[in-house]
Amino acid sequence: MFTRGRSRMEQAFHIIIGVKCPYCSRFRSPRDMIAMMGGAQICVQCELRHIEALDAMANGVFTGECSECGLSADELRAQNRCGQKGEMAVHFENGRYRAMCLVCDTTYVPKRLDLYGKTEFSHTNKLD
Protein backbone atom coordinates (compact mmCIF):
# COMPACT_ATOMS: atom_id res chain seq x y z
CA MET A 1 0.00 0.00 0.00
CA PHE A 2 2.94 2.35 0.40
CA THR A 3 4.61 3.80 -2.67
CA ARG A 4 8.23 4.88 -2.68
CA GLY A 5 8.41 5.25 1.07
CA ARG A 6 5.51 7.69 1.44
CA SER A 7 2.46 7.08 3.54
CA ARG A 8 -1.05 7.37 2.16
CA MET A 9 -1.48 10.67 4.04
CA GLU A 10 1.62 12.17 2.40
CA GLN A 11 0.44 11.12 -1.06
CA ALA A 12 -3.00 12.66 -0.68
CA PHE A 13 -2.03 16.26 0.13
CA HIS A 14 -0.19 18.65 -2.15
CA ILE A 15 0.22 22.32 -1.46
CA ILE A 16 0.20 24.60 -4.47
CA ILE A 17 1.28 28.16 -3.88
CA GLY A 18 0.24 30.76 -6.41
CA VAL A 19 0.49 34.50 -6.54
CA LYS A 20 -2.09 36.52 -8.46
CA CYS A 21 -0.57 38.94 -10.94
CA PRO A 22 -2.37 42.29 -10.62
CA TYR A 23 -1.91 42.97 -14.35
CA CYS A 24 -3.30 39.82 -15.97
CA SER A 25 -5.19 38.41 -12.91
CA ARG A 26 -3.68 34.96 -13.47
CA PHE A 27 -2.19 32.91 -10.68
CA ARG A 28 1.52 32.33 -11.21
CA SER A 29 4.28 30.51 -9.41
CA PRO A 30 6.13 32.78 -6.97
CA ARG A 31 9.22 32.11 -9.11
CA ASP A 32 7.44 33.80 -12.06
CA MET A 33 6.86 37.05 -10.20
CA ILE A 34 9.13 40.11 -10.40
CA ALA A 35 9.31 42.45 -7.43
CA MET A 36 8.96 46.14 -8.24
CA MET A 37 9.38 49.31 -6.22
CA GLY A 38 6.83 49.95 -3.50
CA GLY A 39 6.13 46.26 -2.93
CA ALA A 40 4.27 45.74 -6.20
CA GLN A 41 4.76 42.60 -8.27
CA ILE A 42 4.31 41.66 -11.93
CA CYS A 43 4.55 38.27 -13.61
CA VAL A 44 7.31 37.62 -16.14
CA GLN A 45 4.80 37.28 -19.00
CA CYS A 46 3.25 40.72 -18.32
CA GLU A 47 6.68 42.33 -18.01
CA LEU A 48 7.75 40.80 -21.34
CA ARG A 49 4.59 42.08 -23.01
CA HIS A 50 5.27 45.53 -21.53
CA ILE A 51 8.77 45.48 -23.05
CA GLU A 52 7.32 44.30 -26.41
CA ALA A 53 4.88 47.24 -26.37
CA LEU A 54 7.69 49.69 -25.60
CA ASP A 55 9.77 48.25 -28.45
CA ALA A 56 6.82 48.54 -30.83
CA MET A 57 6.28 52.19 -29.92
CA ALA A 58 10.00 52.93 -30.30
CA ASN A 59 10.51 51.04 -33.58
CA GLY A 60 7.08 51.28 -35.18
CA VAL A 61 6.94 47.50 -35.72
CA PHE A 62 5.14 45.07 -33.42
CA THR A 63 6.80 41.66 -33.10
CA GLY A 64 5.30 40.38 -29.84
CA GLU A 65 1.97 38.84 -28.85
CA CYS A 66 -1.45 40.31 -28.19
CA SER A 67 -1.79 40.68 -24.43
CA GLU A 68 -5.40 39.43 -24.55
CA CYS A 69 -5.62 36.58 -27.09
CA GLY A 70 -1.91 35.67 -27.07
CA LEU A 71 -1.57 35.40 -30.86
CA SER A 72 1.81 36.28 -32.35
CA ALA A 73 2.29 39.28 -34.62
CA ASP A 74 2.45 37.03 -37.70
CA GLU A 75 -0.76 35.22 -36.75
CA LEU A 76 -2.51 38.54 -36.09
CA ARG A 77 -1.56 39.84 -39.54
CA ALA A 78 -2.61 36.58 -41.21
CA GLN A 79 -6.03 36.70 -39.49
CA ASN A 80 -6.50 40.45 -40.15
CA ARG A 81 -6.82 41.15 -36.42
CA CYS A 82 -4.70 44.28 -36.66
CA GLY A 83 -4.70 47.31 -38.94
CA GLN A 84 -3.72 47.27 -42.62
CA LYS A 85 -0.13 48.14 -41.72
CA GLY A 86 -0.06 45.89 -38.63
CA GLU A 87 -1.35 48.54 -36.22
CA MET A 88 -2.03 47.48 -32.65
CA ALA A 89 -3.83 49.21 -29.78
CA VAL A 90 -1.60 50.17 -26.86
CA HIS A 91 -3.06 50.78 -23.40
CA PHE A 92 -1.26 52.32 -20.44
CA GLU A 93 -2.48 50.59 -17.32
CA ASN A 94 -1.03 50.71 -13.80
CA GLY A 95 2.32 51.96 -15.05
CA ARG A 96 2.70 49.31 -17.77
CA TYR A 97 1.95 49.28 -21.49
CA ARG A 98 -0.17 46.53 -23.03
CA ALA A 99 -0.36 45.98 -26.78
CA MET A 100 -3.38 44.14 -28.14
CA CYS A 101 -4.91 43.44 -31.51
CA LEU A 102 -7.76 45.63 -32.68
CA VAL A 103 -10.29 42.80 -32.29
CA CYS A 104 -9.43 42.34 -28.61
CA ASP A 105 -9.29 46.11 -28.17
CA THR A 106 -12.95 46.48 -29.19
CA THR A 107 -14.05 44.17 -26.36
CA TYR A 108 -11.45 45.35 -23.84
CA VAL A 109 -12.11 49.11 -23.91
CA PRO A 110 -15.82 49.03 -22.90
CA LYS A 111 -14.91 46.83 -19.91
CA ARG A 112 -12.39 49.38 -18.65
CA LEU A 113 -14.54 52.39 -17.87
CA ASP A 114 -12.40 52.77 -14.75
CA LEU A 115 -9.59 53.83 -17.12
CA TYR A 116 -11.53 55.59 -19.86
CA GLY A 117 -14.78 56.76 -18.27
CA LYS A 118 -15.38 60.52 -18.19
CA THR A 119 -12.66 61.18 -20.78
CA GLU A 120 -12.86 62.69 -24.26
CA PHE A 121 -12.01 59.25 -25.66
CA SER A 122 -14.96 57.72 -23.83
CA HIS A 123 -17.33 60.46 -24.99
CA THR A 124 -16.16 60.28 -28.63
CA ASN A 125 -16.55 56.49 -28.73
CA LYS A 126 -19.88 56.60 -26.84
CA LEU A 127 -18.64 54.44 -23.98
CA ASP A 128 -20.34 56.42 -21.23
C-alpha atoms as a PDB file:
ATOM      1  CA  MET A   1       0.000   0.000   0.000  1.00  0.00           C
ATOM      2  CA  PHE A   2       2.942   2.352   0.398  1.00  0.00           C
ATOM      3  CA  THR A   3       4.608   3.797  -2.668  1.00  0.00           C
ATOM      4  CA  ARG A   4       8.234   4.882  -2.684  1.00  0.00           C
ATOM      5  CA  GLY A   5       8.410   5.254   1.070  1.00  0.00           C
ATOM      6  CA  ARG A   6       5.507   7.686   1.435  1.00  0.00           C
ATOM      7  CA  SER A   7       2.462   7.077   3.541  1.00  0.00           C
ATOM      8  CA  ARG A   8      -1.049   7.369   2.159  1.00  0.00           C
ATOM      9  CA  MET A   9      -1.480  10.669   4.041  1.00  0.00           C
ATOM     10  CA  GLU A  10       1.619  12.169   2.403  1.00  0.00           C
ATOM     11  CA  GLN A  11       0.440  11.119  -1.057  1.00  0.00           C
ATOM     12  CA  ALA A  12      -3.001  12.660  -0.676  1.00  0.00           C
ATOM     13  CA  PHE A  13      -2.033  16.259   0.127  1.00  0.00           C
ATOM     14  CA  HIS A  14      -0.194  18.652  -2.146  1.00  0.00           C
ATOM     15  CA  ILE A  15       0.223  22.318  -1.457  1.00  0.00           C
ATOM     16  CA  ILE A  16       0.201  24.603  -4.473  1.00  0.00           C
ATOM     17  CA  ILE A  17       1.279  28.163  -3.877  1.00  0.00           C
ATOM     18  CA  GLY A  18       0.237  30.759  -6.407  1.00  0.00           C
ATOM     19  CA  VAL A  19       0.494  34.505  -6.541  1.00  0.00           C
ATOM     20  CA  LYS A  20      -2.091  36.520  -8.460  1.00  0.00           C
ATOM     21  CA  CYS A  21      -0.566  38.943 -10.943  1.00  0.00           C
ATOM     22  CA  PRO A  22      -2.368  42.289 -10.619  1.00  0.00           C
ATOM     23  CA  TYR A  23      -1.914  42.975 -14.349  1.00  0.00           C
ATOM     24  CA  CYS A  24      -3.301  39.815 -15.966  1.00  0.00           C
ATOM     25  CA  SER A  25      -5.186  38.413 -12.914  1.00  0.00           C
ATOM     26  CA  ARG A  26      -3.683  34.959 -13.474  1.00  0.00           C
ATOM     27  CA  PHE A  27      -2.194  32.911 -10.678  1.00  0.00           C
ATOM     28  CA  ARG A  28       1.521  32.326 -11.212  1.00  0.00           C
ATOM     29  CA  SER A  29       4.282  30.510  -9.411  1.00  0.00           C
ATOM     30  CA  PRO A  30       6.126  32.783  -6.974  1.00  0.00           C
ATOM     31  CA  ARG A  31       9.217  32.113  -9.113  1.00  0.00           C
ATOM     32  CA  ASP A  32       7.445  33.797 -12.065  1.00  0.00           C
ATOM     33  CA  MET A  33       6.863  37.053 -10.197  1.00  0.00           C
ATOM     34  CA  ILE A  34       9.126  40.107 -10.400  1.00  0.00           C
ATOM     35  CA  ALA A  35       9.313  42.451  -7.430  1.00  0.00           C
ATOM     36  CA  MET A  36       8.958  46.141  -8.239  1.00  0.00           C
ATOM     37  CA  MET A  37       9.383  49.307  -6.217  1.00  0.00           C
ATOM     38  CA  GLY A  38       6.834  49.950  -3.500  1.00  0.00           C
ATOM     39  CA  GLY A  39       6.135  46.262  -2.927  1.00  0.00           C
ATOM     40  CA  ALA A  40       4.267  45.745  -6.205  1.00  0.00           C
ATOM     41  CA  GLN A  41       4.759  42.598  -8.272  1.00  0.00           C
ATOM     42  CA  ILE A  42       4.307  41.661 -11.926  1.00  0.00           C
ATOM     43  CA  CYS A  43       4.553  38.271 -13.612  1.00  0.00           C
ATOM     44  CA  VAL A  44       7.308  37.622 -16.136  1.00  0.00           C
ATOM     45  CA  GLN A  45       4.802  37.284 -18.996  1.00  0.00           C
ATOM     46  CA  CYS A  46       3.251  40.717 -18.321  1.00  0.00           C
ATOM     47  CA  GLU A  47       6.679  42.327 -18.014  1.00  0.00           C
ATOM     48  CA  LEU A  48       7.747  40.805 -21.337  1.00  0.00           C
ATOM     49  CA  ARG A  49       4.589  42.083 -23.010  1.00  0.00           C
ATOM     50  CA  HIS A  50       5.266  45.534 -21.531  1.00  0.00           C
ATOM     51  CA  ILE A  51       8.765  45.485 -23.051  1.00  0.00           C
ATOM     52  CA  GLU A  52       7.316  44.300 -26.408  1.00  0.00           C
ATOM     53  CA  ALA A  53       4.879  47.235 -26.372  1.00  0.00           C
ATOM     54  CA  LEU A  54       7.694  49.687 -25.596  1.00  0.00           C
ATOM     55  CA  ASP A  55       9.771  48.248 -28.448  1.00  0.00           C
ATOM     56  CA  ALA A  56       6.818  48.537 -30.829  1.00  0.00           C
ATOM     57  CA  MET A  57       6.284  52.188 -29.919  1.00  0.00           C
ATOM     58  CA  ALA A  58       9.999  52.928 -30.304  1.00  0.00           C
ATOM     59  CA  ASN A  59      10.513  51.037 -33.581  1.00  0.00           C
ATOM     60  CA  GLY A  60       7.082  51.277 -35.183  1.00  0.00           C
ATOM     61  CA  VAL A  61       6.936  47.498 -35.724  1.00  0.00           C
ATOM     62  CA  PHE A  62       5.140  45.068 -33.415  1.00  0.00           C
ATOM     63  CA  THR A  63       6.799  41.658 -33.105  1.00  0.00           C
ATOM     64  CA  GLY A  64       5.304  40.382 -29.836  1.00  0.00           C
ATOM     65  CA  GLU A  65       1.970  38.836 -28.848  1.00  0.00           C
ATOM     66  CA  CYS A  66      -1.454  40.308 -28.193  1.00  0.00           C
ATOM     67  CA  SER A  67      -1.787  40.677 -24.428  1.00  0.00           C
ATOM     68  CA  GLU A  68      -5.398  39.425 -24.546  1.00  0.00           C
ATOM     69  CA  CYS A  69      -5.624  36.575 -27.091  1.00  0.00           C
ATOM     70  CA  GLY A  70      -1.912  35.670 -27.072  1.00  0.00           C
ATOM     71  CA  LEU A  71      -1.568  35.403 -30.863  1.00  0.00           C
ATOM     72  CA  SER A  72       1.810  36.281 -32.348  1.00  0.00           C
ATOM     73  CA  ALA A  73       2.290  39.281 -34.624  1.00  0.00           C
ATOM     74  CA  ASP A  74       2.454  37.032 -37.704  1.00  0.00           C
ATOM     75  CA  GLU A  75      -0.762  35.216 -36.747  1.00  0.00           C
ATOM     76  CA  LEU A  76      -2.509  38.537 -36.086  1.00  0.00           C
ATOM     77  CA  ARG A  77      -1.561  39.836 -39.538  1.00  0.00           C
ATOM     78  CA  ALA A  78      -2.612  36.578 -41.210  1.00  0.00           C
ATOM     79  CA  GLN A  79      -6.032  36.698 -39.492  1.00  0.00           C
ATOM     80  CA  ASN A  80      -6.505  40.446 -40.150  1.00  0.00           C
ATOM     81  CA  ARG A  81      -6.825  41.146 -36.420  1.00  0.00           C
ATOM     82  CA  CYS A  82      -4.700  44.281 -36.664  1.00  0.00           C
ATOM     83  CA  GLY A  83      -4.702  47.306 -38.941  1.00  0.00           C
ATOM     84  CA  GLN A  84      -3.718  47.274 -42.616  1.00  0.00           C
ATOM     85  CA  LYS A  85      -0.128  48.138 -41.725  1.00  0.00           C
ATOM     86  CA  GLY A  86      -0.063  45.890 -38.632  1.00  0.00           C
ATOM     87  CA  GLU A  87      -1.346  48.536 -36.218  1.00  0.00           C
ATOM     88  CA  MET A  88      -2.032  47.481 -32.654  1.00  0.00           C
ATOM     89  CA  ALA A  89      -3.828  49.211 -29.781  1.00  0.00           C
ATOM     90  CA  VAL A  90      -1.597  50.168 -26.855  1.00  0.00           C
ATOM     91  CA  HIS A  91      -3.055  50.780 -23.396  1.00  0.00           C
ATOM     92  CA  PHE A  92      -1.258  52.321 -20.442  1.00  0.00           C
ATOM     93  CA  GLU A  93      -2.476  50.593 -17.323  1.00  0.00           C
ATOM     94  CA  ASN A  94      -1.032  50.708 -13.803  1.00  0.00           C
ATOM     95  CA  GLY A  95       2.319  51.962 -15.054  1.00  0.00           C
ATOM     96  CA  ARG A  96       2.702  49.313 -17.773  1.00  0.00           C
ATOM     97  CA  TYR A  97       1.948  49.279 -21.492  1.00  0.00           C
ATOM     98  CA  ARG A  98      -0.175  46.535 -23.034  1.00  0.00           C
ATOM     99  CA  ALA A  99      -0.359  45.976 -26.779  1.00  0.00           C
ATOM    100  CA  MET A 100      -3.378  44.140 -28.137  1.00  0.00           C
ATOM    101  CA  CYS A 101      -4.914  43.439 -31.507  1.00  0.00           C
ATOM    102  CA  LEU A 102      -7.759  45.634 -32.677  1.00  0.00           C
ATOM    103  CA  VAL A 103     -10.292  42.801 -32.287  1.00  0.00           C
ATOM    104  CA  CYS A 104      -9.426  42.341 -28.609  1.00  0.00           C
ATOM    105  CA  ASP A 105      -9.294  46.105 -28.174  1.00  0.00           C
ATOM    106  CA  THR A 106     -12.953  46.481 -29.189  1.00  0.00           C
ATOM    107  CA  THR A 107     -14.054  44.167 -26.363  1.00  0.00           C
ATOM    108  CA  TYR A 108     -11.452  45.353 -23.835  1.00  0.00           C
ATOM    109  CA  VAL A 109     -12.113  49.111 -23.911  1.00  0.00           C
ATOM    110  CA  PRO A 110     -15.820  49.029 -22.895  1.00  0.00           C
ATOM    111  CA  LYS A 111     -14.909  46.831 -19.909  1.00  0.00           C
ATOM    112  CA  ARG A 112     -12.387  49.383 -18.647  1.00  0.00           C
ATOM    113  CA  LEU A 113     -14.541  52.386 -17.871  1.00  0.00           C
ATOM    114  CA  ASP A 114     -12.396  52.768 -14.750  1.00  0.00           C
ATOM    115  CA  LEU A 115      -9.593  53.830 -17.117  1.00  0.00           C
ATOM    116  CA  TYR A 116     -11.530  55.588 -19.862  1.00  0.00           C
ATOM    117  CA  GLY A 117     -14.776  56.762 -18.265  1.00  0.00           C
ATOM    118  CA  LYS A 118     -15.385  60.521 -18.187  1.00  0.00           C
ATOM    119  CA  THR A 119     -12.657  61.183 -20.780  1.00  0.00           C
ATOM    120  CA  GLU A 120     -12.864  62.689 -24.256  1.00  0.00           C
ATOM    121  CA  PHE A 121     -12.010  59.246 -25.663  1.00  0.00           C
ATOM    122  CA  SER A 122     -14.964  57.721 -23.830  1.00  0.00           C
ATOM    123  CA  HIS A 123     -17.332  60.461 -24.993  1.00  0.00           C
ATOM    124  CA  THR A 124     -16.162  60.284 -28.631  1.00  0.00           C
ATOM    125  CA  ASN A 125     -16.552  56.488 -28.727  1.00  0.00           C
ATOM    126  CA  LYS A 126     -19.881  56.601 -26.841  1.00  0.00           C
ATOM    127  CA  LEU A 127     -18.642  54.437 -23.979  1.00  0.00           C
ATOM    128  CA  ASP A 128     -20.339  56.423 -21.230  1.00  0.00           C
END
